[in-house]
Amino acid sequence: MSVMLRGVHHIAIIGSDYARSRRFYVEVLGLPVLHEVYREARDSWKCDLDAGNARIELFSFPAPPPRPSRPEACGLRHLSFVVSDIDAEVARLATHDVTCEPIRVDEYTGQRFTFFSDPDGLPLELYEEI
């Protein structure tokens, strides 16, 4: 029997400061909240965000250890979001004091992309599909 993956269900992110991370993903990136709950037994928040074709699960935990991401650490490299107008999105992010790297062109697809970071330094990408 062959099992076929049908897509990505969710990406889980642990923020060092839940309120700061929630504000960034909801207010700055504009991801709608689907469900949010405080889990008292774990002293942890869990917020499900609508990221289009997948969800982002934003978590808080008491004193999470830092995870290296630069230089290129083994593991998940970055999270990429599709946009239709990268220039407009970079300009919008700048109004929230989010700095993006210079826009580059993917040498294989010809599409434009850029990177920026969330409040904990998690590398995020904007990838333009027109």
Foldseek 3Di string as FASTA:
>chain_A
DDDDDDDEAEAEDEDADQVQLCCCVCVQVNWDWPDWDQDVVQRKIWTWTCQDPYIYIYMYGHPDDADDQPPPDPDDNAAEHEDADVVVSQVSNVVVVWHWDDWDADPVPRWIKIWTAGPSRGIYMYTHDD
